[in-house]
Amino acid sequence: MEHILTAESLGKQYGHFKALDGFSIHVPKGSIYGFVGKNGAGKTTLIRLICGLQEPTSGSYTLYGAKNTDPGIAKCRRRMGAVVETPSIYLDMTAEDNLKEQYRIIGLPSFDDIPELLRLVGLENTGKKKAKNFSLGMKQRLGIAIALAGSPDFLILDEPVNGLDPQGIIEMRELILKLNRERQITFLISSHILDELSRLATHYGFIDSGHMVKEMSAKELDSACRKCIRVQVSDIRALTRVLDEMGIEYNIFSDTMADIFAKVNISKLTLALAEQECDVISLTEREESLESFYVNLIGGGNRNE
């Protein structure tokens, strides 16, 4: 498998604080890589290192096969774009003028591609409207358009849907999927809206305290997020006795409710509970969410940035 970005034993230290410590990552070419971790876990630190805004204290990373210490790393960075924390836009300029300024900065000789770029991000009809009068979603899409100047094939997005309304979130999701599918752009997306990330990501990396805890594909995550039956009963002790006799794995989380992690014959279960004078009040099929998987993996606490 070809990787756009890899890191092994990467470290970044600020005084006595280790923002990244023995960190590793592997972002496959063509993937949408969901980067998940708590506040202060090291996500933004990694993004700053990749973008060349800071240098690692120890270890190394590779971008398009070039090590961060190689003289050609700057050329490799031209193949990537980034929107870090907030979009870097000129508020007193129109969307078109923002793009023209970016084209000048990176030395592109022609503005011919700008109308297509504006159409791509849904800003083709903004005309002379200044960016300061844009909605938050429009500003985010303009930030992505600026990051796309120069036709990069790797985009890094830090909290791309943070603060957006539901319609803005849908538009951002559709834009990311379109760029990935139609232009084969690889994405590294840091996001704390895990339900939304689960609609996008093909791969995941879970970071905690500067360490990569686990990397996995969306398919592997689907297998790990176990399906279960949530059952509500009149007597939880009777339910545990019956499930223990059946040798079925379960988890009790209230005086009346439990999750059953097995394919179970509902008729047999109901009859067995009836013999124990226990009524089944409700049965619901459930599936562990990305959020609950993340909390169980990391161990709870504040959610990621």
C-alpha atoms as a PDB file:
ATOM      1  CA  MET A   1       0.000   0.000   0.000  1.00  0.00           C
ATOM      2  CA  GLU A   2       1.335   3.410  -0.992  1.00  0.00           C
ATOM      3  CA  HIS A   3       1.325   6.056   1.730  1.00  0.00           C
ATOM      4  CA  ILE A   4       1.269   9.851   1.358  1.00  0.00           C
ATOM      5  CA  LEU A   5       2.371  10.459   4.954  1.00  0.00           C
ATOM      6  CA  THR A   6       4.211   8.243   7.424  1.00  0.00           C
ATOM      7  CA  ALA A   7       5.944   8.884  10.736  1.00  0.00           C
ATOM      8  CA  GLU A   8       7.930   6.664  13.078  1.00  0.00           C
ATOM      9  CA  SER A   9       9.026   7.536  16.634  1.00  0.00           C
ATOM     10  CA  LEU A  10       8.176  11.193  16.011  1.00  0.00           C
ATOM     11  CA  GLY A  11       8.609  13.505  18.980  1.00  0.00           C
ATOM     12  CA  LYS A  12       7.867  17.147  19.703  1.00  0.00           C
ATOM     13  CA  GLN A  13       8.683  18.682  23.061  1.00  0.00           C
ATOM     14  CA  TYR A  14       7.877  22.126  24.483  1.00  0.00           C
ATOM     15  CA  GLY A  15      10.027  22.544  27.576  1.00  0.00           C
ATOM     16  CA  HIS A  16       9.169  19.536  29.741  1.00  0.00           C
ATOM     17  CA  PHE A  17       5.896  18.828  27.922  1.00  0.00           C
ATOM     18  CA  LYS A  18       5.934  16.102  25.267  1.00  0.00           C
ATOM     19  CA  ALA A  19       3.241  16.980  22.720  1.00  0.00           C
ATOM     20  CA  LEU A  20       4.255  14.002  20.567  1.00  0.00           C
ATOM     21  CA  ASP A  21       6.160  11.058  22.023  1.00  0.00           C
ATOM     22  CA  GLY A  22       7.172   8.059  19.906  1.00  0.00           C
ATOM     23  CA  PHE A  23       4.333   8.907  17.534  1.00  0.00           C
ATOM     24  CA  SER A  24       3.629   6.953  14.343  1.00  0.00           C
ATOM     25  CA  ILE A  25       1.093   7.402  11.542  1.00  0.00           C
ATOM     26  CA  HIS A  26       0.401   5.898   8.114  1.00  0.00           C
ATOM     27  CA  VAL A  27      -1.949   7.769   5.748  1.00  0.00           C
ATOM     28  CA  PRO A  28      -2.721   5.675   2.627  1.00  0.00           C
ATOM     29  CA  LYS A  29      -2.858   7.358  -0.757  1.00  0.00           C
ATOM     30  CA  GLY A  30      -6.456   8.104  -1.763  1.00  0.00           C
ATOM     31  CA  SER A  31      -7.821   7.731   1.763  1.00  0.00           C
ATOM     32  CA  ILE A  32      -9.920  10.008   3.960  1.00  0.00           C
ATOM     33  CA  TYR A  33      -8.008   9.604   7.209  1.00  0.00           C
ATOM     34  CA  GLY A  34      -9.927  10.546  10.359  1.00  0.00           C
ATOM     35  CA  PHE A  35      -7.546  11.803  13.045  1.00  0.00           C
ATOM     36  CA  VAL A  36      -9.190  11.422  16.463  1.00  0.00           C
ATOM     37  CA  GLY A  37      -7.961  12.498  19.894  1.00  0.00           C
ATOM     38  CA  LYS A  38      -8.753  14.563  22.981  1.00  0.00           C
ATOM     39  CA  ASN A  39      -7.832  18.218  23.504  1.00  0.00           C
ATOM     40  CA  GLY A  40      -4.063  18.404  23.877  1.00  0.00           C
ATOM     41  CA  ALA A  41      -3.535  14.900  22.473  1.00  0.00           C
ATOM     42  CA  GLY A  42      -1.123  16.236  19.818  1.00  0.00           C
ATOM     43  CA  LYS A  43      -3.258  16.463  16.658  1.00  0.00           C
ATOM     44  CA  THR A  44      -2.592  20.117  15.863  1.00  0.00           C
ATOM     45  CA  THR A  45       1.091  19.680  16.761  1.00  0.00           C
ATOM     46  CA  LEU A  46       1.413  16.967  14.107  1.00  0.00           C
ATOM     47  CA  ILE A  47      -0.355  19.146  11.529  1.00  0.00           C
ATOM     48  CA  ARG A  48       2.021  22.040  12.246  1.00  0.00           C
ATOM     49  CA  LEU A  49       5.032  19.739  11.804  1.00  0.00           C
ATOM     50  CA  ILE A  50       3.773  18.371   8.490  1.00  0.00           C
ATOM     51  CA  CYS A  51       3.087  21.883   7.191  1.00  0.00           C
ATOM     52  CA  GLY A  52       6.629  22.928   8.079  1.00  0.00           C
ATOM     53  CA  LEU A  53       5.491  25.485  10.676  1.00  0.00           C
ATOM     54  CA  GLN A  54       7.568  23.706  13.338  1.00  0.00           C
ATOM     55  CA  GLU A  55      10.349  21.139  13.445  1.00  0.00           C
ATOM     56  CA  PRO A  56      10.236  17.829  15.332  1.00  0.00           C
ATOM     57  CA  THR A  57      12.378  17.380  18.442  1.00  0.00           C
ATOM     58  CA  SER A  58      13.090  13.747  17.600  1.00  0.00           C
ATOM     59  CA  GLY A  59      12.235  11.099  15.034  1.00  0.00           C
ATOM     60  CA  SER A  60      11.118  11.841  11.510  1.00  0.00           C
ATOM     61  CA  TYR A  61       8.216  11.780   9.074  1.00  0.00           C
ATOM     62  CA  THR A  62       7.994  11.270   5.336  1.00  0.00           C
ATOM     63  CA  LEU A  63       5.803  13.108   2.846  1.00  0.00           C
ATOM     64  CA  TYR A  64       5.458  11.525  -0.601  1.00  0.00           C
ATOM     65  CA  GLY A  65       8.435   9.349   0.335  1.00  0.00           C
ATOM     66  CA  ALA A  66      10.713  12.313   1.194  1.00  0.00           C
ATOM     67  CA  LYS A  67      12.012  12.606   4.755  1.00  0.00           C
ATOM     68  CA  ASN A  68      11.428  15.861   6.605  1.00  0.00           C
ATOM     69  CA  THR A  69      15.222  16.382   6.678  1.00  0.00           C
ATOM     70  CA  ASP A  70      15.566  15.987   2.892  1.00  0.00           C
ATOM     71  CA  PRO A  71      16.255  19.177   0.878  1.00  0.00           C
ATOM     72  CA  GLY A  72      13.331  18.310  -1.409  1.00  0.00           C
ATOM     73  CA  ILE A  73      10.708  18.315   1.368  1.00  0.00           C
ATOM     74  CA  ALA A  74       9.679  21.905   0.519  1.00  0.00           C
ATOM     75  CA  LYS A  75       8.861  20.789  -3.032  1.00  0.00           C
ATOM     76  CA  CYS A  76       6.760  17.924  -1.638  1.00  0.00           C
ATOM     77  CA  ARG A  77       4.821  20.357   0.542  1.00  0.00           C
ATOM     78  CA  ARG A  78       3.721  22.202  -2.592  1.00  0.00           C
ATOM     79  CA  ARG A  79       1.679  19.107  -3.395  1.00  0.00           C
ATOM     80  CA  MET A  80      -0.388  19.548  -0.233  1.00  0.00           C
ATOM     81  CA  GLY A  81      -2.845  22.134   1.045  1.00  0.00           C
ATOM     82  CA  ALA A  82      -4.061  22.817   4.562  1.00  0.00           C
ATOM     83  CA  VAL A  83      -6.764  24.631   6.490  1.00  0.00           C
ATOM     84  CA  VAL A  84      -5.460  24.757  10.055  1.00  0.00           C
ATOM     85  CA  GLU A  85      -7.747  25.929  12.883  1.00  0.00           C
ATOM     86  CA  THR A  86      -9.390  28.812  10.938  1.00  0.00           C
ATOM     87  CA  PRO A  87      -9.367  29.543   7.184  1.00  0.00           C
ATOM     88  CA  SER A  88      -6.668  32.025   6.147  1.00  0.00           C
ATOM     89  CA  ILE A  89      -8.735  34.475   4.129  1.00  0.00           C
ATOM     90  CA  TYR A  90      -8.754  38.235   3.511  1.00  0.00           C
ATOM     91  CA  LEU A  91     -12.095  39.402   4.902  1.00  0.00           C
ATOM     92  CA  ASP A  92     -12.196  42.632   2.871  1.00  0.00           C
ATOM     93  CA  MET A  93     -11.743  40.766  -0.422  1.00  0.00           C
ATOM     94  CA  THR A  94     -14.184  38.815  -2.581  1.00  0.00           C
ATOM     95  CA  ALA A  95     -13.791  35.061  -3.003  1.00  0.00           C
ATOM     96  CA  GLU A  96     -12.281  35.607  -6.454  1.00  0.00           C
ATOM     97  CA  ASP A  97      -9.787  38.196  -5.198  1.00  0.00           C
ATOM     98  CA  ASN A  98      -8.794  35.907  -2.297  1.00  0.00           C
ATOM     99  CA  LEU A  99      -7.931  33.220  -4.809  1.00  0.00           C
ATOM    100  CA  LYS A 100      -6.062  35.647  -7.062  1.00  0.00           C
ATOM    101  CA  GLU A 101      -3.938  36.715  -4.082  1.00  0.00           C
ATOM    102  CA  GLN A 102      -3.163  33.079  -3.258  1.00  0.00           C
ATOM    103  CA  TYR A 103      -2.224  32.416  -6.891  1.00  0.00           C
ATOM    104  CA  ARG A 104       0.202  35.351  -6.726  1.00  0.00           C
ATOM    105  CA  ILE A 105       1.725  34.128  -3.452  1.00  0.00           C
ATOM    106  CA  ILE A 106       2.476  30.640  -4.781  1.00  0.00           C
ATOM    107  CA  GLY A 107       3.566  31.974  -8.179  1.00  0.00           C
ATOM    108  CA  LEU A 108       0.867  30.598 -10.464  1.00  0.00           C
ATOM    109  CA  PRO A 109       1.062  32.366 -13.827  1.00  0.00           C
ATOM    110  CA  SER A 110      -2.624  32.385 -14.767  1.00  0.00           C
ATOM    111  CA  PHE A 111      -6.001  32.996 -13.103  1.00  0.00           C
ATOM    112  CA  ASP A 112      -7.828  30.845 -15.679  1.00  0.00           C
ATOM    113  CA  ASP A 113      -8.600  28.064 -13.196  1.00  0.00           C
ATOM    114  CA  ILE A 114     -10.248  30.325 -10.605  1.00  0.00           C
ATOM    115  CA  PRO A 115     -13.848  30.205 -11.968  1.00  0.00           C
ATOM    116  CA  GLU A 116     -13.720  26.387 -11.963  1.00  0.00           C
ATOM    117  CA  LEU A 117     -12.299  26.372  -8.422  1.00  0.00           C
ATOM    118  CA  LEU A 118     -15.088  28.664  -7.190  1.00  0.00           C
ATOM    119  CA  ARG A 119     -17.672  26.443  -8.868  1.00  0.00           C
ATOM    120  CA  LEU A 120     -16.121  23.369  -7.281  1.00  0.00           C
ATOM    121  CA  VAL A 121     -16.603  24.738  -3.742  1.00  0.00           C
ATOM    122  CA  GLY A 122     -20.005  26.292  -4.472  1.00  0.00           C
ATOM    123  CA  LEU A 123     -18.935  29.956  -4.397  1.00  0.00           C
ATOM    124  CA  GLU A 124     -19.310  30.774  -8.090  1.00  0.00           C
ATOM    125  CA  ASN A 125     -22.227  33.173  -7.496  1.00  0.00           C
ATOM    126  CA  THR A 126     -20.750  35.289  -4.690  1.00  0.00           C
ATOM    127  CA  GLY A 127     -19.732  38.074  -7.114  1.00  0.00           C
ATOM    128  CA  LYS A 128     -18.535  41.228  -5.322  1.00  0.00           C
ATOM    129  CA  LYS A 129     -19.641  40.051  -1.886  1.00  0.00           C
ATOM    130  CA  LYS A 130     -16.757  40.393   0.563  1.00  0.00           C
ATOM    131  CA  ALA A 131     -15.631  37.421   2.644  1.00  0.00           C
ATOM    132  CA  LYS A 132     -16.486  39.234   5.893  1.00  0.00           C
ATOM    133  CA  ASN A 133     -20.138  38.924   4.886  1.00  0.00           C
ATOM    134  CA  PHE A 134     -19.900  35.185   4.197  1.00  0.00           C
ATOM    135  CA  SER A 135     -21.499  32.580   6.451  1.00  0.00           C
ATOM    136  CA  LEU A 136     -19.128  30.368   8.419  1.00  0.00           C
ATOM    137  CA  GLY A 137     -19.720  27.535   5.964  1.00  0.00           C
ATOM    138  CA  MET A 138     -18.871  29.787   3.004  1.00  0.00           C
ATOM    139  CA  LYS A 139     -15.675  30.899   4.742  1.00  0.00           C
ATOM    140  CA  GLN A 140     -14.705  27.271   5.316  1.00  0.00           C
ATOM    141  CA  ARG A 141     -15.332  26.430   1.659  1.00  0.00           C
ATOM    142  CA  LEU A 142     -13.294  29.458   0.572  1.00  0.00           C
ATOM    143  CA  GLY A 143     -10.489  28.245   2.843  1.00  0.00           C
ATOM    144  CA  ILE A 144     -10.577  24.901   1.050  1.00  0.00           C
ATOM    145  CA  ALA A 145     -10.578  26.647  -2.361  1.00  0.00           C
ATOM    146  CA  ILE A 146      -7.447  28.572  -1.320  1.00  0.00           C
ATOM    147  CA  ALA A 147      -5.854  25.322  -0.115  1.00  0.00           C
ATOM    148  CA  LEU A 148      -6.674  23.791  -3.532  1.00  0.00           C
ATOM    149  CA  ALA A 149      -4.735  26.485  -5.409  1.00  0.00           C
ATOM    150  CA  GLY A 150      -1.923  24.776  -7.253  1.00  0.00           C
ATOM    151  CA  SER A 151      -3.880  21.495  -7.548  1.00  0.00           C
ATOM    152  CA  PRO A 152      -2.571  19.622  -4.464  1.00  0.00           C
ATOM    153  CA  ASP A 153      -3.413  15.933  -4.068  1.00  0.00           C
ATOM    154  CA  PHE A 154      -3.232  15.932  -0.253  1.00  0.00           C
ATOM    155  CA  LEU A 155      -5.412  18.170   1.940  1.00  0.00           C
ATOM    156  CA  ILE A 156      -5.150  18.593   5.715  1.00  0.00           C
ATOM    157  CA  LEU A 157      -8.299  19.914   7.382  1.00  0.00           C
ATOM    158  CA  ASP A 158      -8.361  20.838  11.081  1.00  0.00           C
ATOM    159  CA  GLU A 159     -11.967  20.757  12.371  1.00  0.00           C
ATOM    160  CA  PRO A 160     -13.590  21.486   8.972  1.00  0.00           C
ATOM    161  CA  VAL A 161     -17.178  21.365  10.292  1.00  0.00           C
ATOM    162  CA  ASN A 162     -16.593  23.063  13.645  1.00  0.00           C
ATOM    163  CA  GLY A 163     -19.374  25.580  14.311  1.00  0.00           C
ATOM    164  CA  LEU A 164     -21.272  24.857  11.096  1.00  0.00           C
ATOM    165  CA  ASP A 165     -25.041  24.504  11.016  1.00  0.00           C
ATOM    166  CA  PRO A 166     -26.528  21.183   9.767  1.00  0.00           C
ATOM    167  CA  GLN A 167     -26.749  22.403   6.156  1.00  0.00           C
ATOM    168  CA  GLY A 168     -23.148  23.645   6.276  1.00  0.00           C
ATOM    169  CA  ILE A 169     -22.011  20.260   7.624  1.00  0.00           C
ATOM    170  CA  ILE A 170     -23.778  18.438   4.776  1.00  0.00           C
ATOM    171  CA  GLU A 171     -22.222  20.765   2.171  1.00  0.00           C
ATOM    172  CA  MET A 172     -18.741  20.278   3.647  1.00  0.00           C
ATOM    173  CA  ARG A 173     -19.186  16.487   3.713  1.00  0.00           C
ATOM    174  CA  GLU A 174     -20.315  16.426   0.083  1.00  0.00           C
ATOM    175  CA  LEU A 175     -17.393  18.634  -0.974  1.00  0.00           C
ATOM    176  CA  ILE A 176     -14.821  16.395   0.751  1.00  0.00           C
ATOM    177  CA  LEU A 177     -16.317  13.242  -0.762  1.00  0.00           C
ATOM    178  CA  LYS A 178     -16.446  14.863  -4.218  1.00  0.00           C
ATOM    179  CA  LEU A 179     -12.792  15.941  -4.065  1.00  0.00           C
ATOM    180  CA  ASN A 180     -11.764  12.482  -2.867  1.00  0.00           C
ATOM    181  CA  ARG A 181     -13.729  10.574  -5.493  1.00  0.00           C
ATOM    182  CA  GLU A 182     -13.417  12.833  -8.527  1.00  0.00           C
ATOM    183  CA  ARG A 183      -9.946  14.293  -7.978  1.00  0.00           C
ATOM    184  CA  GLN A 184      -8.423  11.432  -5.950  1.00  0.00           C
ATOM    185  CA  ILE A 185      -7.357  13.892  -3.227  1.00  0.00           C
ATOM    186  CA  THR A 186      -6.134  12.277  -0.013  1.00  0.00           C
ATOM    187  CA  PHE A 187      -7.445  13.865   3.211  1.00  0.00           C
ATOM    188  CA  LEU A 188      -6.177  14.029   6.775  1.00  0.00           C
ATOM    189  CA  ILE A 189      -9.121  15.321   8.830  1.00  0.00           C
ATOM    190  CA  SER A 190      -8.957  16.223  12.492  1.00  0.00           C
ATOM    191  CA  SER A 191     -12.472  16.440  13.930  1.00  0.00           C
ATOM    192  CA  HIS A 192     -14.281  16.148  17.238  1.00  0.00           C
ATOM    193  CA  ILE A 193     -17.674  15.561  15.573  1.00  0.00           C
ATOM    194  CA  LEU A 194     -17.186  11.814  15.484  1.00  0.00           C
ATOM    195  CA  ASP A 195     -20.584  10.918  14.061  1.00  0.00           C
ATOM    196  CA  GLU A 196     -19.875  13.139  11.051  1.00  0.00           C
ATOM    197  CA  LEU A 197     -16.349  11.751  10.691  1.00  0.00           C
ATOM    198  CA  SER A 198     -17.787   8.233  10.533  1.00  0.00           C
ATOM    199  CA  ARG A 199     -19.731   9.259   7.392  1.00  0.00           C
ATOM    200  CA  LEU A 200     -16.495  10.235   5.638  1.00  0.00           C
ATOM    201  CA  ALA A 201     -13.438   8.362   6.813  1.00  0.00           C
ATOM    202  CA  THR A 202     -11.940   5.336   5.086  1.00  0.00           C
ATOM    203  CA  HIS A 203      -9.205   5.062   7.737  1.00  0.00           C
ATOM    204  CA  TYR A 204      -8.748   6.191  11.342  1.00  0.00           C
ATOM    205  CA  GLY A 205      -5.927   7.071  13.702  1.00  0.00           C
ATOM    206  CA  PHE A 206      -6.647   7.385  17.439  1.00  0.00           C
ATOM    207  CA  ILE A 207      -4.118   9.530  19.308  1.00  0.00           C
ATOM    208  CA  ASP A 208      -3.798   9.978  23.074  1.00  0.00           C
ATOM    209  CA  SER A 209      -1.129  11.902  25.018  1.00  0.00           C
ATOM    210  CA  GLY A 210       1.119  12.154  21.975  1.00  0.00           C
ATOM    211  CA  HIS A 211       0.958   8.421  21.152  1.00  0.00           C
ATOM    212  CA  MET A 212      -0.858   6.705  18.321  1.00  0.00           C
ATOM    213  CA  VAL A 213      -3.085   4.273  20.205  1.00  0.00           C
ATOM    214  CA  LYS A 214      -4.532   2.524  17.161  1.00  0.00           C
ATOM    215  CA  GLU A 215      -4.779   2.826  13.381  1.00  0.00           C
ATOM    216  CA  MET A 216      -7.467   0.959  11.484  1.00  0.00           C
ATOM    217  CA  SER A 217      -9.542   0.985   8.322  1.00  0.00           C
ATOM    218  CA  ALA A 218     -13.247   1.841   8.338  1.00  0.00           C
ATOM    219  CA  LYS A 219     -13.935  -1.820   7.560  1.00  0.00           C
ATOM    220  CA  GLU A 220     -11.932  -2.922  10.600  1.00  0.00           C
ATOM    221  CA  LEU A 221     -13.749  -0.337  12.728  1.00  0.00           C
ATOM    222  CA  ASP A 222     -17.113  -1.640  11.529  1.00  0.00           C
ATOM    223  CA  SER A 223     -16.087  -5.120  12.674  1.00  0.00           C
ATOM    224  CA  ALA A 224     -14.855  -3.784  16.021  1.00  0.00           C
ATOM    225  CA  CYS A 225     -18.058  -1.791  16.661  1.00  0.00           C
ATOM    226  CA  ARG A 226     -20.099  -4.766  17.727  1.00  0.00           C
ATOM    227  CA  LYS A 227     -23.811  -5.084  17.125  1.00  0.00           C
ATOM    228  CA  CYS A 228     -25.963  -5.934  20.125  1.00  0.00           C
ATOM    229  CA  ILE A 229     -29.517  -6.297  21.334  1.00  0.00           C
ATOM    230  CA  ARG A 230     -30.595  -3.872  24.047  1.00  0.00           C
ATOM    231  CA  VAL A 231     -33.179  -5.504  26.274  1.00  0.00           C
ATOM    232  CA  GLN A 232     -35.340  -3.946  28.981  1.00  0.00           C
ATOM    233  CA  VAL A 233     -36.801  -6.355  31.563  1.00  0.00           C
ATOM    234  CA  SER A 234     -38.770  -6.279  34.798  1.00  0.00           C
ATOM    235  CA  ASP A 235     -36.118  -8.262  36.717  1.00  0.00           C
ATOM    236  CA  ILE A 236     -32.460  -7.711  35.793  1.00  0.00           C
ATOM    237  CA  ARG A 237     -31.278 -10.500  38.133  1.00  0.00           C
ATOM    238  CA  ALA A 238     -33.465 -13.013  36.340  1.00  0.00           C
ATOM    239  CA  LEU A 239     -32.009 -11.850  33.013  1.00  0.00           C
ATOM    240  CA  THR A 240     -28.420 -12.336  34.236  1.00  0.00           C
ATOM    241  CA  ARG A 241     -29.238 -15.854  35.485  1.00  0.00           C
ATOM    242  CA  VAL A 242     -30.776 -16.830  32.140  1.00  0.00           C
ATOM    243  CA  LEU A 243     -27.950 -15.315  30.056  1.00  0.00           C
ATOM    244  CA  ASP A 244     -25.314 -16.973  32.264  1.00  0.00           C
ATOM    245  CA  GLU A 245     -27.019 -20.338  31.748  1.00  0.00           C
ATOM    246  CA  MET A 246     -27.051 -19.729  27.974  1.00  0.00           C
ATOM    247  CA  GLY A 247     -23.359 -18.701  28.018  1.00  0.00           C
ATOM    248  CA  ILE A 248     -24.139 -15.375  26.334  1.00  0.00           C
ATOM    249  CA  GLU A 249     -21.981 -12.250  26.764  1.00  0.00           C
ATOM    250  CA  TYR A 250     -23.838  -9.216  28.109  1.00  0.00           C
ATOM    251  CA  ASN A 251     -23.339  -5.842  29.746  1.00  0.00           C
ATOM    252  CA  ILE A 252     -25.705  -4.444  32.390  1.00  0.00           C
ATOM    253  CA  PHE A 253     -25.933  -0.673  32.605  1.00  0.00           C
ATOM    254  CA  SER A 254     -29.111  -0.026  34.641  1.00  0.00           C
ATOM    255  CA  ASP A 255     -31.566  -1.743  36.984  1.00  0.00           C
ATOM    256  CA  THR A 256     -33.721  -2.818  34.040  1.00  0.00           C
ATOM    257  CA  MET A 257     -31.533  -2.729  30.906  1.00  0.00           C
ATOM    258  CA  ALA A 258     -28.652  -4.707  29.393  1.00  0.00           C
ATOM    259  CA  ASP A 259     -26.894  -5.169  26.055  1.00  0.00           C
ATOM    260  CA  ILE A 260     -26.624  -8.726  24.705  1.00  0.00           C
ATOM    261  CA  PHE A 261     -23.616  -9.334  22.429  1.00  0.00           C
ATOM    262  CA  ALA A 262     -24.752 -12.415  20.515  1.00  0.00           C
ATOM    263  CA  LYS A 263     -27.285 -13.675  18.037  1.00  0.00           C
ATOM    264  CA  VAL A 264     -29.950 -14.906  20.382  1.00  0.00           C
ATOM    265  CA  ASN A 265     -33.169 -16.814  19.810  1.00  0.00           C
ATOM    266  CA  ILE A 266     -35.691 -14.279  21.065  1.00  0.00           C
ATOM    267  CA  SER A 267     -38.426 -16.868  21.596  1.00  0.00           C
ATOM    268  CA  LYS A 268     -36.177 -19.065  23.757  1.00  0.00           C
ATOM    269  CA  LEU A 269     -34.970 -16.053  25.733  1.00  0.00           C
ATOM    270  CA  THR A 270     -38.516 -14.804  26.329  1.00  0.00           C
ATOM    271  CA  LEU A 271     -39.731 -18.248  27.459  1.00  0.00           C
ATOM    272  CA  ALA A 272     -36.750 -18.720  29.763  1.00  0.00           C
ATOM    273  CA  LEU A 273     -37.394 -15.316  31.343  1.00  0.00           C
ATOM    274  CA  ALA A 274     -41.096 -16.084  31.690  1.00  0.00           C
ATOM    275  CA  GLU A 275     -40.173 -19.175  33.727  1.00  0.00           C
ATOM    276  CA  GLN A 276     -38.282 -16.804  36.032  1.00  0.00           C
ATOM    277  CA  GLU A 277     -41.378 -14.565  36.207  1.00  0.00           C
ATOM    278  CA  CYS A 278     -39.486 -11.837  34.332  1.00  0.00           C
ATOM    279  CA  ASP A 279     -41.231  -9.781  31.644  1.00  0.00           C
ATOM    280  CA  VAL A 280     -39.478  -8.467  28.521  1.00  0.00           C
ATOM    281  CA  ILE A 281     -40.485  -4.824  28.180  1.00  0.00           C
ATOM    282  CA  SER A 282     -38.542  -3.966  24.982  1.00  0.00           C
ATOM    283  CA  LEU A 283     -35.921  -5.286  22.553  1.00  0.00           C
ATOM    284  CA  THR A 284     -33.877  -3.033  20.266  1.00  0.00           C
ATOM    285  CA  GLU A 285     -31.028  -3.786  17.855  1.00  0.00           C
ATOM    286  CA  ARG A 286     -28.091  -1.444  18.383  1.00  0.00           C
ATOM    287  CA  GLU A 287     -24.604  -0.878  16.999  1.00  0.00           C
ATOM    288  CA  GLU A 288     -21.655   0.617  18.864  1.00  0.00           C
ATOM    289  CA  SER A 289     -20.933   4.116  17.525  1.00  0.00           C
ATOM    290  CA  LEU A 290     -17.531   5.584  16.648  1.00  0.00           C
ATOM    291  CA  GLU A 291     -17.913   7.811  19.692  1.00  0.00           C
ATOM    292  CA  SER A 292     -18.457   4.933  22.133  1.00  0.00           C
ATOM    293  CA  PHE A 293     -15.628   2.939  20.503  1.00  0.00           C
ATOM    294  CA  TYR A 294     -13.328   5.941  20.896  1.00  0.00           C
ATOM    295  CA  VAL A 295     -14.300   6.476  24.545  1.00  0.00           C
ATOM    296  CA  ASN A 296     -13.713   2.795  25.340  1.00  0.00           C
ATOM    297  CA  LEU A 297     -10.391   2.806  23.462  1.00  0.00           C
ATOM    298  CA  ILE A 298      -9.003   5.994  25.021  1.00  0.00           C
ATOM    299  CA  GLY A 299     -10.669   5.638  28.381  1.00  0.00           C
ATOM    300  CA  GLY A 300     -13.124   8.592  28.522  1.00  0.00           C
ATOM    301  CA  GLY A 301     -12.342  12.109  29.683  1.00  0.00           C
ATOM    302  CA  ASN A 302     -12.661  15.267  27.591  1.00  0.00           C
ATOM    303  CA  ARG A 303     -13.389  14.699  23.969  1.00  0.00           C
ATOM    304  CA  ASN A 304     -10.970  15.614  21.265  1.00  0.00           C
ATOM    305  CA  GLU A 305     -10.444  19.047  19.774  1.00  0.00           C
END
